[in-house]
Structure formats: C-alpha cells, structure tokens
C-alpha cells in the first residue's frame, strides 16, 4: 500500500454523503497511511431553482465559511484527512465562470497546500476539472479515477465536460476505470489506463448474515418475501416501469427501495411506483444500518435501465449484495458480463420476473459460498493494493 505520501483528491461528492462511493472508501483507507486533502464536489451539475438545489448551495456556502475540517490529522506522522468545501460558481458552460473558478480555486488550494505542508503530492481526481491544476503543486504523479461516464448525466454540460476530459486524459499520468466500456474508451487517449472494477466493504456487508443482527422496524412488519434495492432512486438510472410491472404481477411480494430520490436529476416522477401498495420507498438510510436492511431482503435487485450512463458503470452494490449472501437479479448491464455465474442476468421484464422466482426458490449452499468467495476477493483492501502497485511501478519508472 502507498505510505507516507501527500494526496490531493478532487471528488464529485461531499465527504459526509451518506452513500459511500469509490472515492470515500479509497481515500478513507489511504488516509490511514497518508495525508489526504479531499476537495469536495466542484458542482459539475447545472443547478435549478428547486428547493433541494437552493438548500444545497446554502449548505456549501456555510461549509466554505467554516473552513477545512481535520479528521484524525497528524502532521508529524503525515496521515489523516483534510476535508475542504471549495467556493465555486455554477454554470460551467460559461467561459468567464470557468476562468474565475480556476483562478479562485487555485488561491484556495494554494493556501491549504502551504498550511498543511502538502509538498510533491499525488494528484488524484474523480473529475476531469483537475486538468487546470496539473503542475500547480509539482505533483509526483497524477491519477484520473473514472468511475462513471459523467457526460451522460442529464444535468451536466456535456460539451464542456468532454472537452475538459479529453485534455485531462492526454496529460494525466494514469487512468483507473471501473467499467470495461470506460476502459476501452479512455485507453485510446491514454495508454496508461487500467480496468479495476468497483468492489465492496466485505466485513461491513457480511454482517447481514449474523443471527443477532436485528431487523429494522420499518421492514420487519412487511409481508415476505422482500425484494430489495439500495442506491440512488433516479429515473435515468432505474427502470421504474420494470419495478412497477413486477409489483403488479406479484402483489404478494414487498418491494423495498432504499435511497435518495432524484439524485443527479431535476426530479424523479415516482407516480408509476406509488400506484402500487406493495412498493415501499423508504428514502435514505445511514451506512451503518444498511447491513440490517440487507438481512431483511430475500432477493436483491439491480433494475437498471440500459442507456449511455449505465453502460459505463459498474454498480458498487453488486459485491455488497454478494457479501451479504443475497441472490441478485439484474438487468443485462454490460459491466456485469464477466460475473454472469454470480447473478441472474435478465434481458427483458419476463426474464426478470422468471429470475426473481428462481432466486426466491434458491437453496444452493454451494452458490452461496461462491458469492462469499467472490466478494472476499473483491474488497477495497485488495483494490487499493492493486492500485498501489501500479502507482509505484510508474513512479519508479519515471
């Protein structure tokens, strides 16, 4: 594992986001042996006048005014996390705004680099905007960690982002991708591109098999079986029509959806789901409670649409579901092609429905152990070790 380094990380979410993504898992673990400056979201999405966006802007302003947060920081041992919420203007499609953000962000981060002695850092970014800072702090290495096709997000200025990403790909030291489609695309611009799919916190999600773990009260009262999903309930990601169709065919089943609604889009029309009394939309839940909800599920689902966004994503929930020992029924996501023997692949609603019935009837202990084994082999510790070897190899070669 990388040790004793300074790391400046540009994320696309806030550090305290209740849904832990790739950036949270990797940076929190690296911070045990390195000093990490985590720059929270640069606001890539176009804001709206909706209440949630206005609230979000005020929260970001307040976070900026409070200054950096220090989490287990030890300057002498060169480890811990510095979380910083930068002040940036939205509407990145305007050249003057991009120029102002570039100038003002440099001032903000220059101060932090000096204050916390972040010399010769590794620059690690989940967004291509970091191209504006390459060379600024004399980094020893730069990493573009591409976990999604951001240009396919409905609220991002696609043209501006693609132009920025192309520049970043050509200049960055190496690229990590989490989906095969992303790998095939990004390696055209940067030969130092590596395919490393998302993985899971095995120990955390394996708690779902513990007999002493109590079920949450809001699901313990629901009729069995429970078909469950955990993640962003966004209309551009999930196939609401498919979920509603399953609910209609099986009113005796409880379908539980846990997650923030409309994340990454203006809004999500839940009308088609709310028509069915056996669909229960519970909202977000703390990360610490997710294992208990997984324990209550009989089958876990990935009912994703197949579009430009989902074709380029590897759902982190996949290995989390496996770590919990749950059968997984999913639409035919390209990123899961290599894991076909670990889940029920479904090409259409009829097949999805049939696979749910097969999964509910499943009593194969060998398959259960196969799921556990796959999840154990795909942990964040294993992933970080692979990344560290790649980084060390490039650093030594340079």
Protein backbone atom coordinates (compact mmCIF):
# COMPACT_ATOMS: atom_id res chain seq x y z
CA UNK A 1 0.00 0.00 0.00
CA UNK A 2 1.06 3.60 -0.65
CA UNK A 3 2.51 5.09 2.54
CA UNK A 4 3.85 8.45 3.65
CA UNK A 5 2.52 10.38 0.65
CA UNK A 6 0.61 13.62 0.34
CA UNK A 7 -2.57 13.16 -1.72
CA UNK A 8 -4.79 15.90 -3.13
CA UNK A 9 -8.09 14.35 -4.17
CA UNK A 10 -10.82 16.07 -6.17
CA UNK A 11 -14.11 14.25 -5.51
CA UNK A 12 -17.55 14.54 -7.07
CA UNK A 13 -19.47 14.23 -3.78
CA UNK A 14 -19.24 15.56 -0.25
CA UNK A 15 -17.23 13.65 2.31
CA UNK A 16 -20.25 13.24 4.61
CA UNK A 17 -22.50 11.90 1.87
CA UNK A 18 -24.49 9.05 3.50
CA UNK A 19 -23.83 6.87 0.44
CA UNK A 20 -20.22 5.81 0.49
CA UNK A 21 -18.83 5.64 -3.02
CA UNK A 22 -15.49 4.65 -4.51
CA UNK A 23 -13.86 7.95 -3.53
CA UNK A 24 -14.91 7.66 0.13
CA UNK A 25 -13.76 4.07 0.54
CA UNK A 26 -10.39 4.57 -1.13
CA UNK A 27 -9.45 7.91 0.41
CA UNK A 28 -10.51 6.94 3.94
CA UNK A 29 -8.31 3.84 3.74
CA UNK A 30 -5.37 5.67 2.17
CA UNK A 31 -5.59 8.28 4.94
CA UNK A 32 -4.52 5.64 7.48
CA UNK A 33 -1.01 5.80 5.96
CA UNK A 34 -1.01 9.09 4.04
CA UNK A 35 -2.12 12.69 4.36
CA UNK A 36 -5.18 13.32 2.19
CA UNK A 37 -6.66 16.66 1.20
CA UNK A 38 -10.16 15.85 -0.03
CA UNK A 39 -11.72 18.60 -2.15
CA UNK A 40 -15.49 18.18 -2.13
CA UNK A 41 -17.66 18.40 -5.24
CA UNK A 42 -16.85 21.19 -7.68
CA UNK A 43 -20.52 21.44 -8.66
CA UNK A 44 -20.47 19.92 -12.13
CA UNK A 45 -24.26 19.66 -12.42
CA UNK A 46 -26.39 22.55 -13.53
CA UNK A 47 -28.33 23.90 -10.51
CA UNK A 48 -32.05 24.58 -10.65
CA UNK A 49 -34.39 26.82 -8.67
CA UNK A 50 -35.73 23.78 -6.87
CA UNK A 51 -35.68 23.76 -3.09
CA UNK A 52 -33.14 20.95 -2.84
CA UNK A 53 -30.65 22.79 -5.06
CA UNK A 54 -31.09 26.11 -3.25
CA UNK A 55 -30.65 24.33 0.08
CA UNK A 56 -27.57 22.61 -1.28
CA UNK A 57 -25.99 25.92 -2.34
CA UNK A 58 -26.52 27.46 1.09
CA UNK A 59 -25.05 24.38 2.75
CA UNK A 60 -21.97 24.60 0.53
CA UNK A 61 -21.55 28.30 1.31
CA UNK A 62 -21.75 27.55 5.03
CA UNK A 63 -19.21 24.73 4.70
CA UNK A 64 -16.84 27.05 2.83
CA UNK A 65 -17.13 29.70 5.55
CA UNK A 66 -16.28 27.13 8.26
CA UNK A 67 -13.03 26.27 6.54
CA UNK A 68 -11.24 22.90 6.34
CA UNK A 69 -12.24 20.03 8.61
CA UNK A 70 -9.45 17.93 10.09
CA UNK A 71 -10.20 14.21 10.54
CA UNK A 72 -7.60 12.26 12.53
CA UNK A 73 -4.94 14.53 11.11
CA UNK A 74 -1.38 14.07 12.39
CA UNK A 75 1.09 16.32 10.59
CA UNK A 76 4.07 14.61 12.19
CA UNK A 77 3.02 11.14 11.04
CA UNK A 78 1.81 12.53 7.71
CA UNK A 79 -1.63 10.91 7.86
CA UNK A 80 -5.29 11.80 8.19
CA UNK A 81 -7.87 13.67 6.12
CA UNK A 82 -8.37 17.36 5.47
CA UNK A 83 -11.84 17.94 4.05
CA UNK A 84 -12.37 21.18 2.19
CA UNK A 85 -15.57 22.51 0.63
CA UNK A 86 -14.49 25.00 -2.06
CA UNK A 87 -16.44 28.00 -3.20
CA UNK A 88 -17.17 27.71 -6.94
CA UNK A 89 -19.73 29.31 -9.20
CA UNK A 90 -22.11 27.01 -11.11
CA UNK A 91 -22.90 27.17 -14.83
CA UNK A 92 -19.54 25.88 -16.05
CA UNK A 93 -20.63 26.24 -19.68
CA UNK A 94 -19.74 29.96 -19.49
CA UNK A 95 -16.09 30.67 -20.23
CA UNK A 96 -15.83 33.60 -17.81
CA UNK A 97 -17.20 31.49 -14.96
CA UNK A 98 -14.75 28.69 -15.72
CA UNK A 99 -11.89 31.22 -15.74
CA UNK A 100 -12.99 32.70 -12.41
CA UNK A 101 -13.38 29.29 -10.80
CA UNK A 102 -9.93 28.25 -11.99
CA UNK A 103 -8.33 31.39 -10.55
CA UNK A 104 -10.21 31.34 -7.25
CA UNK A 105 -9.79 27.61 -6.69
CA UNK A 106 -6.05 27.94 -7.15
CA UNK A 107 -5.96 30.60 -4.44
CA UNK A 108 -7.99 28.46 -2.06
CA UNK A 109 -5.98 25.28 -2.55
CA UNK A 110 -2.61 27.08 -2.65
CA UNK A 111 -3.33 28.21 0.89
CA UNK A 112 -4.15 24.67 2.03
CA UNK A 113 -1.07 23.21 0.36
CA UNK A 114 1.12 25.69 2.21
CA UNK A 115 -0.72 25.41 5.54
CA UNK A 116 -0.71 21.61 5.69
CA UNK A 117 2.67 21.05 4.02
CA UNK A 118 1.39 19.10 1.03
CA UNK A 119 4.59 19.12 -0.98
CA UNK A 120 5.08 16.86 -4.05
CA UNK A 121 1.59 15.36 -3.78
CA UNK A 122 -0.13 12.66 -5.76
CA UNK A 123 -2.99 14.43 -7.52
CA UNK A 124 -5.95 12.03 -7.61
CA UNK A 125 -9.14 13.19 -9.26
CA UNK A 126 -12.60 11.75 -9.89
CA UNK A 127 -13.48 14.69 -12.14
CA UNK A 128 -11.62 15.94 -15.21
CA UNK A 129 -11.66 19.56 -14.00
CA UNK A 130 -8.40 18.84 -12.18
CA UNK A 131 -6.64 19.33 -15.52
CA UNK A 132 -6.49 23.01 -14.58
CA UNK A 133 -4.19 22.20 -11.66
CA UNK A 134 -1.71 19.80 -13.24
CA UNK A 135 1.79 21.00 -12.38
CA UNK A 136 0.49 23.64 -9.99
CA UNK A 137 1.79 21.89 -6.88
CA UNK A 138 4.60 19.94 -8.59
CA UNK A 139 2.84 16.61 -8.14
CA UNK A 140 4.92 13.45 -8.43
CA UNK A 141 2.03 11.65 -10.14
CA UNK A 142 -1.49 12.38 -11.38
CA UNK A 143 -4.43 9.94 -11.42
CA UNK A 144 -7.78 10.21 -13.16
CA UNK A 145 -10.15 7.79 -11.45
CA UNK A 146 -13.02 7.46 -13.92
CA UNK A 147 -15.94 5.66 -12.27
CA UNK A 148 -18.80 6.87 -14.49
CA UNK A 149 -19.46 8.46 -17.85
CA UNK A 150 -20.11 11.88 -16.35
CA UNK A 151 -21.03 13.34 -19.73
CA UNK A 152 -24.13 11.09 -19.79
CA UNK A 153 -25.51 12.67 -16.63
CA UNK A 154 -28.64 14.65 -17.53
CA UNK A 155 -27.61 17.74 -15.55
CA UNK A 156 -24.03 18.15 -16.75
CA UNK A 157 -22.91 20.39 -19.59
CA UNK A 158 -21.82 17.56 -21.89
CA UNK A 159 -19.83 19.57 -24.44
CA UNK A 160 -17.74 21.39 -21.84
CA UNK A 161 -17.08 18.26 -19.83
CA UNK A 162 -16.00 16.17 -22.83
CA UNK A 163 -13.55 18.87 -23.91
CA UNK A 164 -12.12 19.08 -20.39
CA UNK A 165 -11.88 15.30 -20.06
CA UNK A 166 -10.05 14.94 -23.37
CA UNK A 167 -7.41 17.39 -22.21
CA UNK A 168 -7.08 15.65 -18.86
CA UNK A 169 -6.73 12.19 -20.41
CA UNK A 170 -3.86 13.36 -22.59
CA UNK A 171 -1.94 14.95 -19.71
CA UNK A 172 -2.60 12.72 -16.68
CA UNK A 173 -0.04 10.10 -15.60
CA UNK A 174 -2.50 7.22 -15.44
CA UNK A 175 -6.20 6.40 -15.57
CA UNK A 176 -8.21 3.96 -13.46
CA UNK A 177 -11.61 2.88 -14.81
CA UNK A 178 -14.34 0.83 -13.15
CA UNK A 179 -16.12 -0.49 -16.25
CA UNK A 180 -14.84 -2.26 -19.35
CA UNK A 181 -16.57 0.22 -21.65
CA UNK A 182 -14.84 3.11 -19.87
CA UNK A 183 -11.51 1.29 -20.14
CA UNK A 184 -11.86 0.69 -23.89
CA UNK A 185 -12.74 4.35 -24.47
CA UNK A 186 -10.18 6.05 -22.21
CA UNK A 187 -7.19 3.93 -23.26
CA UNK A 188 -7.49 5.43 -26.74
CA UNK A 189 -6.33 8.72 -25.27
CA UNK A 190 -4.02 7.43 -22.53
CA UNK A 191 -2.08 4.13 -22.85
CA UNK A 192 -1.61 4.03 -19.06
CA UNK A 193 -5.26 3.11 -18.49
CA UNK A 194 -6.28 0.27 -16.17
CA UNK A 195 -9.52 -1.58 -15.58
CA UNK A 196 -10.28 -2.00 -11.86
CA UNK A 197 -13.99 -2.58 -11.12
CA UNK A 198 -15.76 -1.31 -8.03
CA UNK A 199 -15.63 -3.64 -5.04
CA UNK A 200 -17.18 -3.82 -1.56
CA UNK A 201 -16.54 -3.45 2.14
CA UNK A 202 -16.88 -7.18 2.77
CA UNK A 203 -16.75 -7.10 6.57
CA UNK A 204 -19.42 -4.41 6.80
CA UNK A 205 -21.94 -6.03 4.47
CA UNK A 206 -21.25 -9.57 5.64
CA UNK A 207 -22.83 -8.54 8.95
CA UNK A 208 -26.13 -9.24 7.20
CA UNK A 209 -25.63 -12.97 7.87
CA UNK A 210 -25.24 -12.50 11.63
CA UNK A 211 -28.09 -14.12 13.55
CA UNK A 212 -28.01 -11.48 16.27
CA UNK A 213 -28.48 -8.53 13.91
CA UNK A 214 -31.95 -7.06 14.48
CA UNK A 215 -34.14 -6.17 11.52
CA UNK A 216 -35.19 -2.50 11.16
CA UNK A 217 -38.73 -1.92 12.36
CA UNK A 218 -39.94 -0.44 9.07
CA UNK A 219 -39.20 -3.64 7.13
CA UNK A 220 -39.73 -6.27 9.82
CA UNK A 221 -43.51 -5.71 9.60
CA UNK A 222 -43.71 -6.10 5.81
CA UNK A 223 -45.08 -9.27 4.18
CA UNK A 224 -42.48 -11.69 2.90
CA UNK A 225 -40.79 -12.17 0.56
CA UNK A 226 -38.99 -8.83 0.34
CA UNK A 227 -37.38 -7.83 -2.95
CA UNK A 228 -34.91 -5.05 -2.16
CA UNK A 229 -32.84 -2.35 -3.79
CA UNK A 230 -30.37 0.02 -2.13
CA UNK A 231 -29.00 3.02 -4.02
CA UNK A 232 -29.95 6.24 -5.78
CA UNK A 233 -33.59 6.15 -6.90
CA UNK A 234 -33.02 8.16 -10.06
CA UNK A 235 -35.20 7.91 -13.14
CA UNK A 236 -32.29 7.99 -15.57
CA UNK A 237 -30.69 5.00 -13.81
CA UNK A 238 -33.58 2.80 -12.67
CA UNK A 239 -36.29 1.25 -14.81
CA UNK A 240 -39.40 2.41 -12.93
CA UNK A 241 -41.63 0.67 -15.47
CA UNK A 242 -39.92 -2.65 -14.77
CA UNK A 243 -40.28 -2.25 -11.00
CA UNK A 244 -43.96 -1.35 -11.35
CA UNK A 245 -44.55 -4.34 -13.63
CA UNK A 246 -43.05 -6.74 -11.08
CA UNK A 247 -45.18 -5.19 -8.33
CA UNK A 248 -48.30 -5.59 -10.48
CA UNK A 249 -47.57 -9.24 -11.27
CA UNK A 250 -46.83 -10.10 -7.65
CA UNK A 251 -48.94 -8.07 -5.20
CA UNK A 252 -47.98 -10.65 -2.54
CA UNK A 253 -44.34 -9.52 -2.69
CA UNK A 254 -42.96 -6.48 -0.84
CA UNK A 255 -40.65 -4.37 -2.97
CA UNK A 256 -38.41 -2.11 -0.87
CA UNK A 257 -36.41 0.77 -2.35
CA UNK A 258 -33.88 2.47 -0.09
CA UNK A 259 -32.07 5.59 -1.24
CA UNK A 260 -32.24 9.28 -2.07
CA UNK A 261 -34.83 10.10 -4.72
CA UNK A 262 -33.93 12.07 -7.85
CA UNK A 263 -30.19 12.28 -7.21
CA UNK A 264 -28.39 13.70 -10.23
CA UNK A 265 -31.56 14.92 -11.99
CA UNK A 266 -34.09 17.71 -11.65
CA UNK A 267 -36.67 15.35 -10.21
CA UNK A 268 -37.90 11.78 -10.40
CA UNK A 269 -41.54 11.06 -11.22
CA UNK A 270 -42.45 8.34 -8.73
CA UNK A 271 -46.09 8.23 -9.79
CA UNK A 272 -45.85 4.86 -11.54
CA UNK A 273 -44.29 3.35 -8.39
CA UNK A 274 -46.65 4.97 -5.91
CA UNK A 275 -49.62 3.36 -7.64
CA UNK A 276 -48.66 0.04 -6.07
CA UNK A 277 -49.19 -0.52 -2.35
CA UNK A 278 -46.54 -3.24 -2.24
CA UNK A 279 -43.78 -0.85 -3.34
CA UNK A 280 -42.23 0.81 -0.30
CA UNK A 281 -39.95 3.81 -0.94
CA UNK A 282 -38.17 4.33 2.37
CA UNK A 283 -35.72 7.11 1.48
CA UNK A 284 -32.08 7.22 2.50
CA UNK A 285 -30.66 5.29 5.45
CA UNK A 286 -27.31 5.65 7.28
CA UNK A 287 -24.47 3.50 6.01
CA UNK A 288 -24.23 1.82 9.41
CA UNK A 289 -27.79 0.47 9.07
CA UNK A 290 -27.59 -0.90 5.53
CA UNK A 291 -26.48 -4.39 6.56
CA UNK A 292 -29.60 -4.79 8.71
CA UNK A 293 -31.80 -3.87 5.76
CA UNK A 294 -29.95 -6.31 3.53
CA UNK A 295 -30.58 -9.03 6.07
CA UNK A 296 -34.33 -8.46 5.66
CA UNK A 297 -34.19 -8.90 1.88
CA UNK A 298 -34.87 -12.28 0.31
CA UNK A 299 -33.54 -11.15 -3.07
CA UNK A 300 -31.60 -8.05 -4.10
CA UNK A 301 -32.20 -6.37 -7.43
CA UNK A 302 -30.40 -4.08 -9.88
CA UNK A 303 -33.34 -2.95 -12.04
CA UNK A 304 -31.32 -0.51 -14.15
CA UNK A 305 -32.19 0.97 -17.47
CA UNK A 306 -29.72 0.22 -20.25
CA UNK A 307 -28.53 3.58 -21.59
CA UNK A 308 -25.33 5.55 -22.17
CA UNK A 309 -24.88 6.14 -18.46
CA UNK A 310 -25.48 2.61 -17.17
CA UNK A 311 -23.49 1.01 -20.00
CA UNK A 312 -20.43 2.69 -18.49
CA UNK A 313 -20.94 1.93 -14.80
CA UNK A 314 -20.07 -0.96 -12.52
CA UNK A 315 -22.66 -0.97 -9.71
CA UNK A 316 -20.87 -0.95 -6.38
CA UNK A 317 -23.98 -2.58 -4.90
CA UNK A 318 -23.19 -5.81 -6.77
CA UNK A 319 -20.41 -7.05 -4.50
CA UNK A 320 -22.15 -5.54 -1.47
CA UNK A 321 -25.15 -7.74 -2.20
CA UNK A 322 -22.87 -10.78 -2.64
CA UNK A 323 -21.07 -10.06 0.64
CA UNK A 324 -24.49 -10.20 2.31
CA UNK A 325 -25.06 -13.59 0.69
CA UNK A 326 -28.12 -12.49 -1.25
CA UNK A 327 -29.24 -13.75 -4.68
CA UNK A 328 -29.01 -10.91 -7.19
CA UNK A 329 -31.36 -10.36 -10.13
CA UNK A 330 -30.23 -7.65 -12.54
CA UNK A 331 -30.86 -6.25 -15.96
CA UNK A 332 -28.20 -7.00 -18.57
CA UNK A 333 -25.63 -4.41 -17.53
CA UNK A 334 -22.52 -4.75 -19.73
CA UNK A 335 -20.18 -4.29 -16.75
CA UNK A 336 -21.53 -7.48 -15.16
CA UNK A 337 -20.96 -9.73 -18.20
CA UNK A 338 -17.87 -11.29 -16.61
CA UNK A 339 -19.82 -12.09 -13.42
CA UNK A 340 -22.63 -13.96 -15.21
CA UNK A 341 -22.30 -17.03 -12.98
CA UNK A 342 -22.85 -14.94 -9.83
CA UNK A 343 -26.24 -13.42 -10.58
CA UNK A 344 -29.44 -13.85 -12.58
CA UNK A 345 -28.98 -11.88 -15.80
CA UNK A 346 -32.26 -10.58 -17.25
CA UNK A 347 -32.73 -9.24 -20.77
CA UNK A 348 -36.40 -8.25 -20.51
CA UNK A 349 -39.23 -7.93 -17.95
CA UNK A 350 -40.43 -11.51 -18.46
CA UNK A 351 -36.95 -12.87 -17.82
CA UNK A 352 -36.52 -10.57 -14.82
CA UNK A 353 -39.76 -11.90 -13.35
CA UNK A 354 -38.79 -15.52 -14.00
CA UNK A 355 -35.37 -14.98 -12.43
CA UNK A 356 -36.92 -13.46 -9.32
CA UNK A 357 -38.95 -16.62 -8.87
CA UNK A 358 -35.84 -18.77 -9.35
CA UNK A 359 -33.89 -16.67 -6.88
CA UNK A 360 -36.64 -16.90 -4.26
CA UNK A 361 -36.70 -20.69 -4.60
CA UNK A 362 -32.92 -21.00 -4.47
CA UNK A 363 -31.47 -23.38 -1.85
CA UNK A 364 -27.95 -23.87 -3.22
CA UNK A 365 -25.35 -23.63 -0.43
CA UNK A 366 -22.54 -24.04 -2.98
CA UNK A 367 -23.71 -20.93 -4.83
CA UNK A 368 -23.94 -19.06 -1.55
CA UNK A 369 -20.32 -19.85 -0.74
CA UNK A 370 -19.35 -18.87 -4.28
CA UNK A 371 -20.87 -15.44 -3.70
CA UNK A 372 -18.99 -15.02 -0.44
CA UNK A 373 -15.72 -16.08 -2.09
CA UNK A 374 -16.18 -13.60 -4.94
CA UNK A 375 -16.92 -10.77 -2.51
CA UNK A 376 -13.86 -11.66 -0.39
CA UNK A 377 -11.67 -11.43 -3.47
CA UNK A 378 -13.06 -8.02 -4.34
CA UNK A 379 -12.53 -5.83 -1.30
CA UNK A 380 -11.26 -2.27 -1.04
CA UNK A 381 -8.05 -3.51 0.57
CA UNK A 382 -7.37 -5.78 -2.42
CA UNK A 383 -8.25 -2.98 -4.84
CA UNK A 384 -6.01 -0.41 -3.14
CA UNK A 385 -3.10 -2.85 -3.16
CA UNK A 386 -3.52 -3.29 -6.93
CA UNK A 387 -3.62 0.47 -7.44
CA UNK A 388 -0.59 0.99 -5.21
CA UNK A 389 1.49 -1.44 -7.25
CA UNK A 390 0.56 0.34 -10.47
CA UNK A 391 1.36 3.75 -8.98
CA UNK A 392 4.67 2.55 -7.55
CA UNK A 393 5.60 0.98 -10.89
CA UNK A 394 5.00 4.21 -12.80
CA UNK A 395 6.72 6.31 -10.13
CA UNK A 396 9.81 4.10 -10.14
CA UNK A 397 9.89 4.02 -13.94
CA UNK A 398 9.81 7.80 -14.02
